[in-house]
Amino acid sequence: MAALVLKKWHVSNLESTQENQFVDIVGRKSGILAWVLSLLGVDPTTTFTATNTGVTFHEGSLSGAALAFIPFQNVSSLSWGYFKPWKLALIVFIPSFIISYMLWISIGFKIGIAIPISVIVGISVSLLYYFLNRLLTVAVTEMAGHIYSIRFKRSIIENVDVNAEQAEQVYNVLRVLLLSANTNQALQPVAVAPVHPSTPPPNETQFTTESPEEIETKAGLLLNVAKNHLASGAKKLAIQTLREIIRMYPTSRAADKARSSLNGR
């Protein structure tokens, strides 16, 4: 799926007991036509929402719509990503500088004046490209192996920005909702501030109230999902699922097997 332009961004910290929609992200297609449709208020949108029961993807278009709901009990892994196009921004600088330089020279500017002006133009265009093409990706993987992912970038019209902190916030909220749905415990507040890589992850066993048998059963099911991923050649999905087993059920036998598999890969 091509990157969508952000129209709306809402992520709850889970503190409100009256709120049911904890993640609500709305995007539209980029481009001149989509921009015109947006001004007219008839642009088709794609939404990604999360409640305490699951995640919903709704993709609209001028010809119709598609809807998918994934209960958290059917989710095997979550992932997020953030892409900074600084390399492409550097490449954009070169043609911007050359075109600007040729333009100034053609209208009679001296080289000593044309070069610094062209450098400023090239840097400006590169920075504009960089800030408008930073991409945020959020993905949810079902037990069956199907991946629902969505990518967003900044909107000029709606003035909704996108950054790495936002991506991590979505992941943290989804992770808590996933754990809560699978352990039947009340939701715990999630800090909206970014989590540093050096900061140790929260103790996930605090959500566990299930019996050892229930834990072993659920962990075993996830282990089977990982094996299926590996058998079908989806090694990355298998690794993600093994890591989720260790996160969610660290004391289970399946977690021990997951650690052995990851150490031996």
C-alpha atoms as a PDB file:
ATOM      1  CA  MET A   1       0.000   0.000   0.000  1.00  0.00           C
ATOM      2  CA  ALA A   2       1.270   3.487  -0.907  1.00  0.00           C
ATOM      3  CA  ALA A   3       1.919   5.908   1.932  1.00  0.00           C
ATOM      4  CA  LEU A   4      -1.151   7.881   2.993  1.00  0.00           C
ATOM      5  CA  VAL A   5      -1.284  11.508   4.061  1.00  0.00           C
ATOM      6  CA  LEU A   6      -2.318  11.990   7.674  1.00  0.00           C
ATOM      7  CA  LYS A   7      -5.663  13.706   8.299  1.00  0.00           C
ATOM      8  CA  LYS A   8      -6.241  12.793  11.934  1.00  0.00           C
ATOM      9  CA  TRP A   9      -4.089  11.418  14.733  1.00  0.00           C
ATOM     10  CA  HIS A  10      -5.374  10.388  18.152  1.00  0.00           C
ATOM     11  CA  VAL A  11      -3.654   8.068  20.617  1.00  0.00           C
ATOM     12  CA  SER A  12      -4.946   7.652  24.162  1.00  0.00           C
ATOM     13  CA  ASN A  13      -2.747   7.019  27.192  1.00  0.00           C
ATOM     14  CA  LEU A  14      -5.424   4.555  28.445  1.00  0.00           C
ATOM     15  CA  GLU A  15      -6.109   6.615  31.581  1.00  0.00           C
ATOM     16  CA  SER A  16      -9.696   7.453  30.616  1.00  0.00           C
ATOM     17  CA  THR A  17     -12.133   4.767  31.740  1.00  0.00           C
ATOM     18  CA  GLN A  18     -14.895   6.223  29.535  1.00  0.00           C
ATOM     19  CA  GLU A  19     -12.915   6.139  26.312  1.00  0.00           C
ATOM     20  CA  ASN A  20     -13.317   3.076  24.112  1.00  0.00           C
ATOM     21  CA  GLN A  21     -11.412   4.079  20.971  1.00  0.00           C
ATOM     22  CA  PHE A  22      -7.792   4.276  22.096  1.00  0.00           C
ATOM     23  CA  VAL A  23      -6.177   4.668  18.674  1.00  0.00           C
ATOM     24  CA  ASP A  24      -7.784   6.585  15.827  1.00  0.00           C
ATOM     25  CA  ILE A  25      -5.656   7.353  12.757  1.00  0.00           C
ATOM     26  CA  VAL A  26      -7.167   8.644   9.519  1.00  0.00           C
ATOM     27  CA  GLY A  27      -5.322   9.108   6.240  1.00  0.00           C
ATOM     28  CA  ARG A  28      -6.039   9.895   2.610  1.00  0.00           C
ATOM     29  CA  LYS A  29      -4.189   9.251  -0.617  1.00  0.00           C
ATOM     30  CA  SER A  30      -1.588  11.788  -1.666  1.00  0.00           C
ATOM     31  CA  GLY A  31      -1.603  13.618  -4.982  1.00  0.00           C
ATOM     32  CA  ILE A  32      -3.354  16.515  -6.704  1.00  0.00           C
ATOM     33  CA  LEU A  33      -6.643  14.649  -7.261  1.00  0.00           C
ATOM     34  CA  ALA A  34      -6.797  13.542  -3.634  1.00  0.00           C
ATOM     35  CA  TRP A  35      -6.009  17.123  -2.589  1.00  0.00           C
ATOM     36  CA  VAL A  36      -8.908  18.484  -4.659  1.00  0.00           C
ATOM     37  CA  LEU A  37     -11.256  15.828  -3.294  1.00  0.00           C
ATOM     38  CA  SER A  38     -10.103  16.703   0.211  1.00  0.00           C
ATOM     39  CA  LEU A  39     -11.003  20.344  -0.347  1.00  0.00           C
ATOM     40  CA  LEU A  40     -14.440  19.223  -1.563  1.00  0.00           C
ATOM     41  CA  GLY A  41     -14.842  16.938   1.443  1.00  0.00           C
ATOM     42  CA  VAL A  42     -15.433  13.797  -0.623  1.00  0.00           C
ATOM     43  CA  ASP A  43     -11.977  12.218  -0.448  1.00  0.00           C
ATOM     44  CA  PRO A  44     -11.937   8.471   0.352  1.00  0.00           C
ATOM     45  CA  THR A  45     -10.035   7.754   3.551  1.00  0.00           C
ATOM     46  CA  THR A  46      -8.305   4.847   5.265  1.00  0.00           C
ATOM     47  CA  THR A  47      -8.692   4.463   9.026  1.00  0.00           C
ATOM     48  CA  PHE A  48      -6.833   2.449  11.642  1.00  0.00           C
ATOM     49  CA  THR A  49      -8.613   2.211  14.989  1.00  0.00           C
ATOM     50  CA  ALA A  50      -8.095   0.171  18.142  1.00  0.00           C
ATOM     51  CA  THR A  51     -10.503  -0.525  20.988  1.00  0.00           C
ATOM     52  CA  ASN A  52     -10.166  -2.798  23.997  1.00  0.00           C
ATOM     53  CA  THR A  53     -11.374  -5.726  21.869  1.00  0.00           C
ATOM     54  CA  GLY A  54      -9.365  -5.438  18.666  1.00  0.00           C
ATOM     55  CA  VAL A  55      -8.064  -3.481  15.692  1.00  0.00           C
ATOM     56  CA  THR A  56     -10.104  -2.271  12.722  1.00  0.00           C
ATOM     57  CA  PHE A  57      -8.800  -1.415   9.258  1.00  0.00           C
ATOM     58  CA  HIS A  58     -11.164   0.469   6.950  1.00  0.00           C
ATOM     59  CA  GLU A  59      -9.995   1.353   3.448  1.00  0.00           C
ATOM     60  CA  GLY A  60     -12.216   3.545   1.311  1.00  0.00           C
ATOM     61  CA  SER A  61     -12.010   4.428  -2.360  1.00  0.00           C
ATOM     62  CA  LEU A  62     -14.193   6.083  -4.991  1.00  0.00           C
ATOM     63  CA  SER A  63     -15.307   2.628  -6.137  1.00  0.00           C
ATOM     64  CA  GLY A  64     -16.078   1.109  -2.733  1.00  0.00           C
ATOM     65  CA  ALA A  65     -14.653   0.157   0.645  1.00  0.00           C
ATOM     66  CA  ALA A  66     -13.050  -2.747   2.512  1.00  0.00           C
ATOM     67  CA  LEU A  67     -13.254  -3.449   6.241  1.00  0.00           C
ATOM     68  CA  ALA A  68     -11.295  -5.841   8.452  1.00  0.00           C
ATOM     69  CA  PHE A  69     -11.583  -6.397  12.205  1.00  0.00           C
ATOM     70  CA  ILE A  70      -8.900  -8.372  14.050  1.00  0.00           C
ATOM     71  CA  PRO A  71      -9.716  -9.372  17.647  1.00  0.00           C
ATOM     72  CA  PHE A  72      -6.718  -9.144  19.950  1.00  0.00           C
ATOM     73  CA  GLN A  73      -7.129 -12.850  20.724  1.00  0.00           C
ATOM     74  CA  ASN A  74      -6.220 -13.494  17.064  1.00  0.00           C
ATOM     75  CA  VAL A  75      -3.160 -11.219  17.002  1.00  0.00           C
ATOM     76  CA  SER A  76       0.229 -12.926  17.081  1.00  0.00           C
ATOM     77  CA  SER A  77       2.526  -9.884  16.852  1.00  0.00           C
ATOM     78  CA  LEU A  78       2.703  -6.105  16.550  1.00  0.00           C
ATOM     79  CA  SER A  79       5.311  -3.935  14.863  1.00  0.00           C
ATOM     80  CA  TRP A  80       6.031  -0.329  14.030  1.00  0.00           C
ATOM     81  CA  GLY A  81       8.573   1.532  11.947  1.00  0.00           C
ATOM     82  CA  TYR A  82       9.732   5.028  11.080  1.00  0.00           C
ATOM     83  CA  PHE A  83      11.618   5.906   7.896  1.00  0.00           C
ATOM     84  CA  LYS A  84      13.739   9.053   7.525  1.00  0.00           C
ATOM     85  CA  PRO A  85      14.529   9.710   3.822  1.00  0.00           C
ATOM     86  CA  TRP A  86      17.738  11.665   4.368  1.00  0.00           C
ATOM     87  CA  LYS A  87      19.616   9.782   1.629  1.00  0.00           C
ATOM     88  CA  LEU A  88      16.930  10.576  -0.935  1.00  0.00           C
ATOM     89  CA  ALA A  89      16.881  14.173   0.297  1.00  0.00           C
ATOM     90  CA  LEU A  90      20.602  14.436  -0.487  1.00  0.00           C
ATOM     91  CA  ILE A  91      19.970  13.051  -3.973  1.00  0.00           C
ATOM     92  CA  VAL A  92      17.171  15.599  -4.516  1.00  0.00           C
ATOM     93  CA  PHE A  93      19.644  18.390  -3.719  1.00  0.00           C
ATOM     94  CA  ILE A  94      21.723  17.707  -6.849  1.00  0.00           C
ATOM     95  CA  PRO A  95      19.069  18.274  -9.572  1.00  0.00           C
ATOM     96  CA  SER A  96      17.579  21.128  -7.541  1.00  0.00           C
ATOM     97  CA  PHE A  97      20.947  22.861  -7.432  1.00  0.00           C
ATOM     98  CA  ILE A  98      21.673  22.264 -11.139  1.00  0.00           C
ATOM     99  CA  ILE A  99      18.252  23.460 -12.346  1.00  0.00           C
ATOM    100  CA  SER A 100      18.410  26.528 -10.111  1.00  0.00           C
ATOM    101  CA  TYR A 101      21.954  27.345 -11.216  1.00  0.00           C
ATOM    102  CA  MET A 102      21.071  27.067 -14.926  1.00  0.00           C
ATOM    103  CA  LEU A 103      18.014  29.259 -14.381  1.00  0.00           C
ATOM    104  CA  TRP A 104      19.940  32.059 -12.658  1.00  0.00           C
ATOM    105  CA  ILE A 105      22.738  31.951 -15.248  1.00  0.00           C
ATOM    106  CA  SER A 106      20.226  32.047 -18.128  1.00  0.00           C
ATOM    107  CA  ILE A 107      18.675  35.267 -16.837  1.00  0.00           C
ATOM    108  CA  GLY A 108      22.038  36.984 -16.484  1.00  0.00           C
ATOM    109  CA  PHE A 109      23.204  36.357 -12.904  1.00  0.00           C
ATOM    110  CA  LYS A 110      26.966  36.111 -12.367  1.00  0.00           C
ATOM    111  CA  ILE A 111      28.461  32.780 -11.228  1.00  0.00           C
ATOM    112  CA  GLY A 112      29.468  34.214  -7.841  1.00  0.00           C
ATOM    113  CA  ILE A 113      25.833  35.076  -7.144  1.00  0.00           C
ATOM    114  CA  ALA A 114      24.158  32.139  -8.918  1.00  0.00           C
ATOM    115  CA  ILE A 115      26.063  29.460  -6.962  1.00  0.00           C
ATOM    116  CA  PRO A 116      25.135  30.531  -3.383  1.00  0.00           C
ATOM    117  CA  ILE A 117      21.520  31.183  -4.383  1.00  0.00           C
ATOM    118  CA  SER A 118      21.339  27.742  -6.025  1.00  0.00           C
ATOM    119  CA  VAL A 119      22.822  26.136  -2.916  1.00  0.00           C
ATOM    120  CA  ILE A 120      20.109  27.757  -0.786  1.00  0.00           C
ATOM    121  CA  VAL A 121      17.421  26.607  -3.226  1.00  0.00           C
ATOM    122  CA  GLY A 122      18.816  23.046  -3.272  1.00  0.00           C
ATOM    123  CA  ILE A 123      18.958  22.848   0.529  1.00  0.00           C
ATOM    124  CA  SER A 124      15.422  24.238   0.826  1.00  0.00           C
ATOM    125  CA  VAL A 125      14.011  21.717  -1.655  1.00  0.00           C
ATOM    126  CA  SER A 126      15.888  18.852   0.055  1.00  0.00           C
ATOM    127  CA  LEU A 127      14.577  19.823   3.502  1.00  0.00           C
ATOM    128  CA  LEU A 128      11.044  20.123   2.127  1.00  0.00           C
ATOM    129  CA  TYR A 129      11.329  16.659   0.556  1.00  0.00           C
ATOM    130  CA  TYR A 130      12.675  15.213   3.818  1.00  0.00           C
ATOM    131  CA  PHE A 131       9.931  16.603   6.058  1.00  0.00           C
ATOM    132  CA  LEU A 132       7.130  15.651   3.656  1.00  0.00           C
ATOM    133  CA  ASN A 133       8.325  12.075   3.090  1.00  0.00           C
ATOM    134  CA  ARG A 134       9.049  10.757   6.589  1.00  0.00           C
ATOM    135  CA  LEU A 135       7.024   7.547   6.846  1.00  0.00           C
ATOM    136  CA  LEU A 136       5.323   5.919   9.815  1.00  0.00           C
ATOM    137  CA  THR A 137       4.359   2.245   9.592  1.00  0.00           C
ATOM    138  CA  VAL A 138       2.100   0.271  11.934  1.00  0.00           C
ATOM    139  CA  ALA A 139       1.468  -3.445  11.371  1.00  0.00           C
ATOM    140  CA  VAL A 140      -0.644  -6.136  13.027  1.00  0.00           C
ATOM    141  CA  THR A 141      -0.062  -9.829  12.300  1.00  0.00           C
ATOM    142  CA  GLU A 142      -2.857 -12.366  12.708  1.00  0.00           C
ATOM    143  CA  MET A 143      -2.373 -15.868  14.081  1.00  0.00           C
ATOM    144  CA  ALA A 144      -3.008 -17.150  10.560  1.00  0.00           C
ATOM    145  CA  GLY A 145      -0.060 -15.118   9.309  1.00  0.00           C
ATOM    146  CA  HIS A 146      -1.892 -12.335   7.452  1.00  0.00           C
ATOM    147  CA  ILE A 147      -0.314  -8.906   7.971  1.00  0.00           C
ATOM    148  CA  TYR A 148      -2.379  -5.722   8.135  1.00  0.00           C
ATOM    149  CA  SER A 149      -0.087  -2.731   7.718  1.00  0.00           C
ATOM    150  CA  ILE A 150      -0.595   0.921   7.016  1.00  0.00           C
ATOM    151  CA  ARG A 151       1.881   3.709   6.199  1.00  0.00           C
ATOM    152  CA  PHE A 152       1.429   7.431   6.772  1.00  0.00           C
ATOM    153  CA  LYS A 153       3.317  10.641   6.037  1.00  0.00           C
ATOM    154  CA  ARG A 154       2.847  14.297   6.915  1.00  0.00           C
ATOM    155  CA  SER A 155      -0.052  16.340   5.549  1.00  0.00           C
ATOM    156  CA  ILE A 156       0.370  19.947   4.440  1.00  0.00           C
ATOM    157  CA  ILE A 157      -3.344  20.706   4.134  1.00  0.00           C
ATOM    158  CA  GLU A 158      -4.391  19.236   7.486  1.00  0.00           C
ATOM    159  CA  ASN A 159      -1.017  20.158   9.063  1.00  0.00           C
ATOM    160  CA  VAL A 160      -0.730  16.793  10.824  1.00  0.00           C
ATOM    161  CA  ASP A 161       2.880  15.772  11.390  1.00  0.00           C
ATOM    162  CA  VAL A 162       4.360  12.299  11.824  1.00  0.00           C
ATOM    163  CA  ASN A 163       7.381  11.294  13.907  1.00  0.00           C
ATOM    164  CA  ALA A 164       9.003   8.307  15.594  1.00  0.00           C
ATOM    165  CA  GLU A 165       7.482   9.148  18.987  1.00  0.00           C
ATOM    166  CA  GLN A 166       3.990   8.798  17.517  1.00  0.00           C
ATOM    167  CA  ALA A 167       4.784   5.402  16.020  1.00  0.00           C
ATOM    168  CA  GLU A 168       6.119   4.121  19.330  1.00  0.00           C
ATOM    169  CA  GLN A 169       3.088   5.491  21.200  1.00  0.00           C
ATOM    170  CA  VAL A 170       0.765   3.482  18.940  1.00  0.00           C
ATOM    171  CA  TYR A 171       2.841   0.355  19.473  1.00  0.00           C
ATOM    172  CA  ASN A 172       2.878   0.772  23.273  1.00  0.00           C
ATOM    173  CA  VAL A 173      -0.897   1.287  23.444  1.00  0.00           C
ATOM    174  CA  LEU A 174      -1.595  -1.682  21.156  1.00  0.00           C
ATOM    175  CA  ARG A 175       0.746  -3.874  23.181  1.00  0.00           C
ATOM    176  CA  VAL A 176      -1.052  -3.056  26.443  1.00  0.00           C
ATOM    177  CA  LEU A 177      -4.449  -3.629  24.807  1.00  0.00           C
ATOM    178  CA  LEU A 178      -3.205  -6.969  23.459  1.00  0.00           C
ATOM    179  CA  LEU A 179      -1.933  -8.098  26.847  1.00  0.00           C
ATOM    180  CA  SER A 180      -5.106  -6.918  28.588  1.00  0.00           C
ATOM    181  CA  ALA A 181      -7.341  -8.766  26.121  1.00  0.00           C
ATOM    182  CA  ASN A 182      -5.381 -11.991  26.590  1.00  0.00           C
ATOM    183  CA  THR A 183      -5.118 -11.838  30.386  1.00  0.00           C
ATOM    184  CA  ASN A 184      -8.521 -10.318  31.253  1.00  0.00           C
ATOM    185  CA  GLN A 185      -6.935  -7.620  33.412  1.00  0.00           C
ATOM    186  CA  ALA A 186      -7.842  -3.959  33.610  1.00  0.00           C
ATOM    187  CA  LEU A 187      -5.961  -1.590  31.328  1.00  0.00           C
ATOM    188  CA  GLN A 188      -2.900   0.135  32.750  1.00  0.00           C
ATOM    189  CA  PRO A 189      -1.997   3.735  31.768  1.00  0.00           C
ATOM    190  CA  VAL A 190       0.658   4.104  29.091  1.00  0.00           C
ATOM    191  CA  ALA A 191       3.048   7.039  29.009  1.00  0.00           C
ATOM    192  CA  VAL A 192       2.666   9.119  25.887  1.00  0.00           C
ATOM    193  CA  ALA A 193       6.313  10.173  26.034  1.00  0.00           C
ATOM    194  CA  PRO A 194       8.771   8.163  23.890  1.00  0.00           C
ATOM    195  CA  VAL A 195      10.607   5.228  25.393  1.00  0.00           C
ATOM    196  CA  HIS A 196      14.400   5.362  25.070  1.00  0.00           C
ATOM    197  CA  PRO A 197      16.156   2.226  23.793  1.00  0.00           C
ATOM    198  CA  SER A 198      18.224   2.317  26.977  1.00  0.00           C
ATOM    199  CA  THR A 199      15.095   2.248  29.122  1.00  0.00           C
ATOM    200  CA  PRO A 200      14.222  -1.316  30.127  1.00  0.00           C
ATOM    201  CA  PRO A 201      10.775  -2.461  28.954  1.00  0.00           C
ATOM    202  CA  PRO A 202       8.004  -2.652  31.549  1.00  0.00           C
ATOM    203  CA  ASN A 203       7.502  -5.928  33.350  1.00  0.00           C
ATOM    204  CA  GLU A 204       4.835  -7.615  31.285  1.00  0.00           C
ATOM    205  CA  THR A 205       4.114 -10.303  33.854  1.00  0.00           C
ATOM    206  CA  GLN A 206       2.176  -7.707  35.862  1.00  0.00           C
ATOM    207  CA  PHE A 207      -0.828  -8.366  33.569  1.00  0.00           C
ATOM    208  CA  THR A 208      -0.807 -12.122  34.085  1.00  0.00           C
ATOM    209  CA  THR A 209      -3.610 -13.553  36.206  1.00  0.00           C
ATOM    210  CA  GLU A 210      -4.135 -16.805  34.327  1.00  0.00           C
ATOM    211  CA  SER A 211      -3.443 -20.248  35.654  1.00  0.00           C
ATOM    212  CA  PRO A 212      -0.200 -21.963  34.604  1.00  0.00           C
ATOM    213  CA  GLU A 213      -2.209 -24.322  32.391  1.00  0.00           C
ATOM    214  CA  GLU A 214      -3.860 -21.433  30.532  1.00  0.00           C
ATOM    215  CA  ILE A 215      -0.507 -19.722  30.059  1.00  0.00           C
ATOM    216  CA  GLU A 216       1.062 -22.897  28.666  1.00  0.00           C
ATOM    217  CA  THR A 217      -1.877 -23.394  26.312  1.00  0.00           C
ATOM    218  CA  LYS A 218      -1.755 -19.882  24.863  1.00  0.00           C
ATOM    219  CA  ALA A 219       2.017 -19.883  24.635  1.00  0.00           C
ATOM    220  CA  GLY A 220       1.893 -23.256  22.901  1.00  0.00           C
ATOM    221  CA  LEU A 221      -0.580 -21.926  20.342  1.00  0.00           C
ATOM    222  CA  LEU A 222       1.723 -19.034  19.555  1.00  0.00           C
ATOM    223  CA  LEU A 223       4.643 -21.444  19.257  1.00  0.00           C
ATOM    224  CA  ASN A 224       2.683 -23.430  16.675  1.00  0.00           C
ATOM    225  CA  VAL A 225       2.028 -20.190  14.780  1.00  0.00           C
ATOM    226  CA  ALA A 226       5.773 -19.494  14.764  1.00  0.00           C
ATOM    227  CA  LYS A 227       6.460 -22.997  13.452  1.00  0.00           C
ATOM    228  CA  ASN A 228       3.889 -22.500  10.691  1.00  0.00           C
ATOM    229  CA  HIS A 229       5.519 -19.220   9.714  1.00  0.00           C
ATOM    230  CA  LEU A 230       8.909 -20.905   9.560  1.00  0.00           C
ATOM    231  CA  ALA A 231       7.558 -23.826   7.524  1.00  0.00           C
ATOM    232  CA  SER A 232       6.026 -21.435   4.993  1.00  0.00           C
ATOM    233  CA  GLY A 233       9.281 -19.507   4.630  1.00  0.00           C
ATOM    234  CA  ALA A 234       8.147 -16.427   6.603  1.00  0.00           C
ATOM    235  CA  LYS A 235      11.235 -16.324   8.824  1.00  0.00           C
ATOM    236  CA  LYS A 236      10.748 -12.705   9.946  1.00  0.00           C
ATOM    237  CA  LEU A 237       7.199 -13.411  11.102  1.00  0.00           C
ATOM    238  CA  ALA A 238       8.411 -16.511  12.926  1.00  0.00           C
ATOM    239  CA  ILE A 239      11.049 -14.472  14.763  1.00  0.00           C
ATOM    240  CA  GLN A 240       8.493 -11.781  15.676  1.00  0.00           C
ATOM    241  CA  THR A 241       6.112 -14.399  17.046  1.00  0.00           C
ATOM    242  CA  LEU A 242       8.864 -16.079  19.089  1.00  0.00           C
ATOM    243  CA  ARG A 243       9.742 -12.737  20.627  1.00  0.00           C
ATOM    244  CA  GLU A 244       6.086 -12.102  21.482  1.00  0.00           C
ATOM    245  CA  ILE A 245       5.959 -15.464  23.280  1.00  0.00           C
ATOM    246  CA  ILE A 246       8.942 -14.446  25.396  1.00  0.00           C
ATOM    247  CA  ARG A 247       7.362 -11.071  26.128  1.00  0.00           C
ATOM    248  CA  MET A 248       3.898 -12.304  26.980  1.00  0.00           C
ATOM    249  CA  TYR A 249       4.682 -15.648  28.633  1.00  0.00           C
ATOM    250  CA  PRO A 250       8.325 -15.454  29.810  1.00  0.00           C
ATOM    251  CA  THR A 251       8.053 -18.344  32.302  1.00  0.00           C
ATOM    252  CA  SER A 252       6.348 -20.824  29.977  1.00  0.00           C
ATOM    253  CA  ARG A 253       7.935 -23.863  28.354  1.00  0.00           C
ATOM    254  CA  ALA A 254       7.113 -22.346  24.969  1.00  0.00           C
ATOM    255  CA  ALA A 255       9.170 -19.270  25.939  1.00  0.00           C
ATOM    256  CA  ASP A 256      12.136 -21.526  26.749  1.00  0.00           C
ATOM    257  CA  LYS A 257      11.817 -23.134  23.330  1.00  0.00           C
ATOM    258  CA  ALA A 258      11.464 -19.709  21.725  1.00  0.00           C
ATOM    259  CA  ARG A 259      14.690 -18.526  23.364  1.00  0.00           C
ATOM    260  CA  SER A 260      16.493 -21.656  22.201  1.00  0.00           C
ATOM    261  CA  SER A 261      15.225 -21.154  18.672  1.00  0.00           C
ATOM    262  CA  LEU A 262      16.263 -17.497  18.593  1.00  0.00           C
ATOM    263  CA  ASN A 263      19.699 -18.253  20.014  1.00  0.00           C
ATOM    264  CA  GLY A 264      20.230 -21.005  17.487  1.00  0.00           C
ATOM    265  CA  ARG A 265      18.967 -19.180  14.373  1.00  0.00           C
END
